[in-house]
Protein backbone atom coordinates (compact mmCIF):
# COMPACT_ATOMS: atom_id res chain seq x y z
CA UNK A 1 139.01 116.43 61.78
CA UNK A 2 138.08 116.99 58.05
CA UNK A 3 139.52 114.05 55.98
CA UNK A 4 137.29 113.39 53.29
CA UNK A 5 136.59 110.02 51.88
CA UNK A 6 136.25 109.90 47.78
CA UNK A 7 133.89 111.87 46.63
CA UNK A 8 131.51 112.31 49.89
CA UNK A 9 132.22 115.78 51.29
CA UNK A 10 131.06 114.73 54.81
CA UNK A 11 133.66 114.63 57.41
CA UNK A 12 134.85 111.36 58.03
CA UNK A 13 133.76 111.15 61.44
CA UNK A 14 130.06 111.20 60.55
CA UNK A 15 130.65 107.48 59.22
CA UNK A 16 130.97 106.42 63.17
CA UNK A 17 127.83 108.61 64.17
CA UNK A 18 125.06 106.13 65.56
CA UNK A 19 122.23 105.70 63.39
CA UNK A 20 118.55 107.32 64.40
CA UNK A 21 116.78 104.72 66.69
CA UNK A 22 114.10 102.73 64.84
CA UNK A 23 110.20 103.92 65.34
CA UNK A 24 108.52 102.02 68.11
CA UNK A 25 106.48 99.08 66.37
CA UNK A 26 105.44 97.66 69.60
CA UNK A 27 104.11 97.55 72.90
CA UNK A 28 105.14 94.81 75.43
CA UNK A 29 104.23 93.71 79.05
CA UNK A 30 105.00 91.07 81.57
CA UNK A 31 102.43 90.57 84.33
CA UNK A 32 104.80 88.38 86.55
CA UNK A 33 105.87 85.00 86.41
CA UNK A 34 103.39 82.38 87.68
CA UNK A 35 100.60 85.08 87.97
CA UNK A 36 97.44 83.40 89.12
CA UNK A 37 95.16 86.14 88.50
CA UNK A 38 93.88 85.78 84.57
CA UNK A 39 92.39 89.55 84.57
CA UNK A 40 95.97 91.09 85.20
CA UNK A 41 96.37 90.50 81.45
CA UNK A 42 93.29 92.47 80.70
CA UNK A 43 94.74 95.37 82.98
CA UNK A 44 97.48 95.59 81.14
CA UNK A 45 96.19 95.08 77.53
CA UNK A 46 94.13 98.00 78.43
CA UNK A 47 97.04 99.99 79.41
CA UNK A 48 98.66 99.14 76.09
CA UNK A 49 96.14 100.57 74.13
CA UNK A 50 96.37 103.97 75.66
CA UNK A 51 100.17 103.50 74.78
CA UNK A 52 99.31 102.88 71.31
CA UNK A 53 96.94 105.76 71.21
CA UNK A 54 99.75 107.86 72.54
CA UNK A 55 102.24 106.54 70.06
CA UNK A 56 99.72 107.27 67.15
CA UNK A 57 99.28 111.27 68.25
CA UNK A 58 103.24 111.20 68.22
CA UNK A 59 103.50 110.18 64.55
CA UNK A 60 104.11 106.45 65.28
CA UNK A 61 102.13 103.55 64.01
CA UNK A 62 102.87 100.56 66.36
CA UNK A 63 101.19 97.18 65.06
CA UNK A 64 102.66 94.55 67.43
CA UNK A 65 101.12 93.73 70.93
CA UNK A 66 103.54 91.47 72.99
CA UNK A 67 101.53 90.41 76.12
CA UNK A 68 104.63 88.32 78.04
CA UNK A 69 104.55 85.55 79.76
CA UNK A 70 103.46 84.33 83.24
CA UNK A 71 101.06 81.78 82.34
CA UNK A 72 100.91 78.93 84.76
CA UNK A 73 101.63 75.44 83.85
CA UNK A 74 100.63 72.04 85.07
CA UNK A 75 99.24 72.63 88.65
CA UNK A 76 101.27 72.64 91.67
CA UNK A 77 100.17 71.23 95.15
CA UNK A 78 100.16 73.61 98.13
CA UNK A 79 98.80 72.65 101.61
CA UNK A 80 97.10 69.33 99.71
CA UNK A 81 95.25 71.48 97.46
CA UNK A 82 95.98 72.35 93.54
CA UNK A 83 96.97 76.02 93.05
CA UNK A 84 96.95 77.10 89.90
CA UNK A 85 94.14 79.09 87.76
CA UNK A 86 93.35 76.75 84.67
CA UNK A 87 94.60 78.01 81.24
CA UNK A 88 91.38 78.49 79.88
CA UNK A 89 90.45 81.38 82.31
CA UNK A 90 93.43 83.35 80.77
CA UNK A 91 92.44 82.71 77.46
CA UNK A 92 89.03 84.19 77.95
CA UNK A 93 90.30 87.33 79.91
CA UNK A 94 92.98 87.71 77.10
CA UNK A 95 90.37 87.23 74.08
CA UNK A 96 87.72 89.50 76.00
CA UNK A 97 90.45 92.44 76.42
CA UNK A 98 91.76 92.03 72.59
CA UNK A 99 88.19 92.21 71.46
CA UNK A 100 87.56 95.40 73.32
CA UNK A 101 90.57 97.35 73.06
CA UNK A 102 92.35 96.26 69.95
CA UNK A 103 89.40 95.34 67.36
CA UNK A 104 90.88 96.86 64.67
CA UNK A 105 92.64 94.88 61.86
CA UNK A 106 96.70 94.87 61.18
CA UNK A 107 97.45 94.39 64.90
CA UNK A 108 99.75 91.32 65.37
CA UNK A 109 99.57 89.58 68.87
CA UNK A 110 102.54 87.51 70.33
CA UNK A 111 102.72 85.87 73.91
CA UNK A 112 105.66 84.04 75.47
CA UNK A 113 104.43 80.96 77.23
CA UNK A 114 107.36 79.38 77.93
CA UNK A 115 106.43 78.31 81.33
CA UNK A 116 103.03 77.06 80.24
CA UNK A 117 104.93 74.74 77.56
CA UNK A 118 107.80 73.56 80.17
CA UNK A 119 106.15 73.26 83.55
CA UNK A 120 104.86 69.61 83.24
CA UNK A 121 107.99 68.57 81.57
CA UNK A 122 109.93 67.87 84.86
CA UNK A 123 109.43 66.07 88.14
CA UNK A 124 112.12 66.75 90.55
CA UNK A 125 113.03 64.02 92.71
CA UNK A 126 114.95 64.61 96.33
CA UNK A 127 115.79 62.53 99.05
CA UNK A 128 115.72 62.92 102.84
CA UNK A 129 119.07 63.00 104.45
CA UNK A 130 118.62 64.46 107.76
CA UNK A 131 115.79 64.76 110.27
CA UNK A 132 115.59 66.90 113.65
CA UNK A 133 112.65 66.85 116.06
CA UNK A 134 111.70 70.36 117.83
CA UNK A 135 109.57 69.14 121.00
CA UNK A 136 107.31 71.26 123.10
CA UNK A 137 107.97 71.68 126.94
CA UNK A 138 105.83 68.67 127.63
CA UNK A 139 107.89 66.51 125.40
CA UNK A 140 105.55 66.32 122.36
CA UNK A 141 106.54 67.42 118.89
CA UNK A 142 106.09 70.88 117.84
CA UNK A 143 107.93 71.08 114.26
CA UNK A 144 109.92 68.49 112.50
CA UNK A 145 112.78 69.94 110.23
CA UNK A 146 114.19 67.56 107.22
CA UNK A 147 117.03 68.20 105.11
CA UNK A 148 117.17 67.18 101.75
CA UNK A 149 119.92 66.75 99.03
CA UNK A 150 118.70 69.84 96.96
CA UNK A 151 117.48 73.31 97.76
CA UNK A 152 117.36 77.02 97.00
CA UNK A 153 120.52 77.38 96.04
CA UNK A 154 120.19 74.57 93.38
CA UNK A 155 116.90 73.55 91.63
CA UNK A 156 114.79 76.19 93.77
CA UNK A 157 116.47 79.32 93.13
CA UNK A 158 113.19 81.19 92.24
CA UNK A 159 111.20 79.84 95.20
CA UNK A 160 111.61 83.36 96.68
CA UNK A 161 110.08 85.37 94.08
CA UNK A 162 107.41 82.37 92.57
CA UNK A 163 103.99 82.94 93.28
CA UNK A 164 103.35 79.58 92.80
CA UNK A 165 104.64 77.66 95.66
CA UNK A 166 106.10 74.19 95.83
CA UNK A 167 104.86 71.43 97.89
CA UNK A 168 106.21 67.93 97.58
CA UNK A 169 104.37 64.56 96.86
CA UNK A 170 106.06 62.13 99.15
CA UNK A 171 107.03 58.73 97.03
CA UNK A 172 106.51 56.42 99.66
CA UNK A 173 103.01 55.14 100.00
CA UNK A 174 100.70 54.72 103.16
CA UNK A 175 101.53 58.51 104.06
CA UNK A 176 97.85 58.63 105.24
CA UNK A 177 98.46 56.45 108.15
CA UNK A 178 101.34 58.83 109.30
CA UNK A 179 101.13 61.58 111.80
CA UNK A 180 101.01 65.33 110.51
CA UNK A 181 103.31 67.85 112.09
CA UNK A 182 104.23 71.34 111.30
CA UNK A 183 107.34 70.93 109.19
CA UNK A 184 110.00 72.71 107.52
CA UNK A 185 112.20 71.46 104.49
CA UNK A 186 115.76 72.76 104.23
CA UNK A 187 118.19 72.27 101.45
CA UNK A 188 121.50 71.10 102.05
CA UNK A 189 123.68 74.27 102.25
CA UNK A 190 123.15 75.27 106.06
CA UNK A 191 122.37 78.74 104.27
CA UNK A 192 119.36 80.45 106.89
CA UNK A 193 117.66 81.25 103.48
CA UNK A 194 117.94 77.40 102.29
CA UNK A 195 114.28 76.55 103.10
CA UNK A 196 111.85 75.29 100.69
CA UNK A 197 108.80 74.93 103.15
CA UNK A 198 108.39 76.44 106.29
CA UNK A 199 105.58 75.49 109.10
CA UNK A 200 103.52 73.71 106.73
CA UNK A 201 101.54 70.54 107.96
CA UNK A 202 103.17 67.26 106.31
CA UNK A 203 103.08 63.73 106.96
CA UNK A 204 106.10 62.43 109.03
CA UNK A 205 108.88 61.74 106.70
CA UNK A 206 112.07 59.27 107.38
CA UNK A 207 115.66 59.68 106.38
CA UNK A 208 116.10 57.88 103.09
CA UNK A 209 112.85 58.37 101.83
CA UNK A 210 111.83 60.56 98.53
CA UNK A 211 110.05 63.68 97.75
CA UNK A 212 108.42 64.37 94.15
CA UNK A 213 108.14 68.11 93.62
CA UNK A 214 105.95 68.26 90.28
CA UNK A 215 105.51 71.29 87.49
CA UNK A 216 109.31 71.87 87.93
CA UNK A 217 110.37 72.01 84.25
CA UNK A 218 110.30 75.93 83.93
CA UNK A 219 113.19 77.90 85.34
CA UNK A 220 114.71 74.84 87.24
CA UNK A 221 117.57 73.04 85.18
CA UNK A 222 118.04 76.81 83.55
CA UNK A 223 118.72 78.44 86.88
CA UNK A 224 120.43 75.42 88.89
CA UNK A 225 123.81 76.05 90.18
CA UNK A 226 126.38 73.87 92.05
CA UNK A 227 126.58 76.39 94.98
CA UNK A 228 129.07 75.17 97.88
CA UNK A 229 129.90 72.22 95.76
CA UNK A 230 126.73 70.44 95.57
CA UNK A 231 125.94 68.68 91.98
CA UNK A 232 123.29 69.94 90.05
CA UNK A 233 120.61 66.87 89.53
CA UNK A 234 120.99 64.33 86.89
CA UNK A 235 118.15 64.40 84.39
CA UNK A 236 116.54 61.20 83.49
CA UNK A 237 114.21 60.65 80.82
CA UNK A 238 111.17 58.40 81.43
CA UNK A 239 107.92 57.27 79.22
CA UNK A 240 105.16 57.57 81.91
CA UNK A 241 104.24 60.00 84.61
CA UNK A 242 105.28 59.35 87.97
CA UNK A 243 102.33 58.39 89.94
């Protein structure tokens, strides 16, 4: 096909040719959602320096370094202890790496701290709706299974990939007076992967009582689904933190 358009002698089909790709201007990485090792950022920044150098030998001039996200937000509790790395430790590792590997002027550094900003904005409250006791041959309780009204198909779809495990705070008081059993907390779907906590020591709970799951603002509402017809939890705004 050689149809010409106006005074332009190029074939008409050339107008439909894709433009050449733009030259690379940045290097980006993501250390992983919920990473607890601040120095993984330093290692990734060092690798980015190598990529910048390679790009420059090829005639490119990258000027942007995107260090991604993965910064933990508010602390979660697991096995009775706070499981997180303080944000200043991340800042220290990143600042050290940038000063060492990118001392030159003109490099723009950007980050994506979505989890850090959103994590503490929400507390998920769930109710115990079922309970099953697994006993040893001598009749003593070996494991307690709890079934609650929210699970891995709803507000916990990230539970398998997340390196920051969840552990609930019972809303009812006087938990220190109750016996502690190895516990499994299930969601409502009867799906074998719908286990939020497995074989963890936990104070005994009763049907109708409530759990508070803290630091659930990131990836909860955005990834929740109504699998098997279970409704997505309703959001309620409060003025003070649940204690």
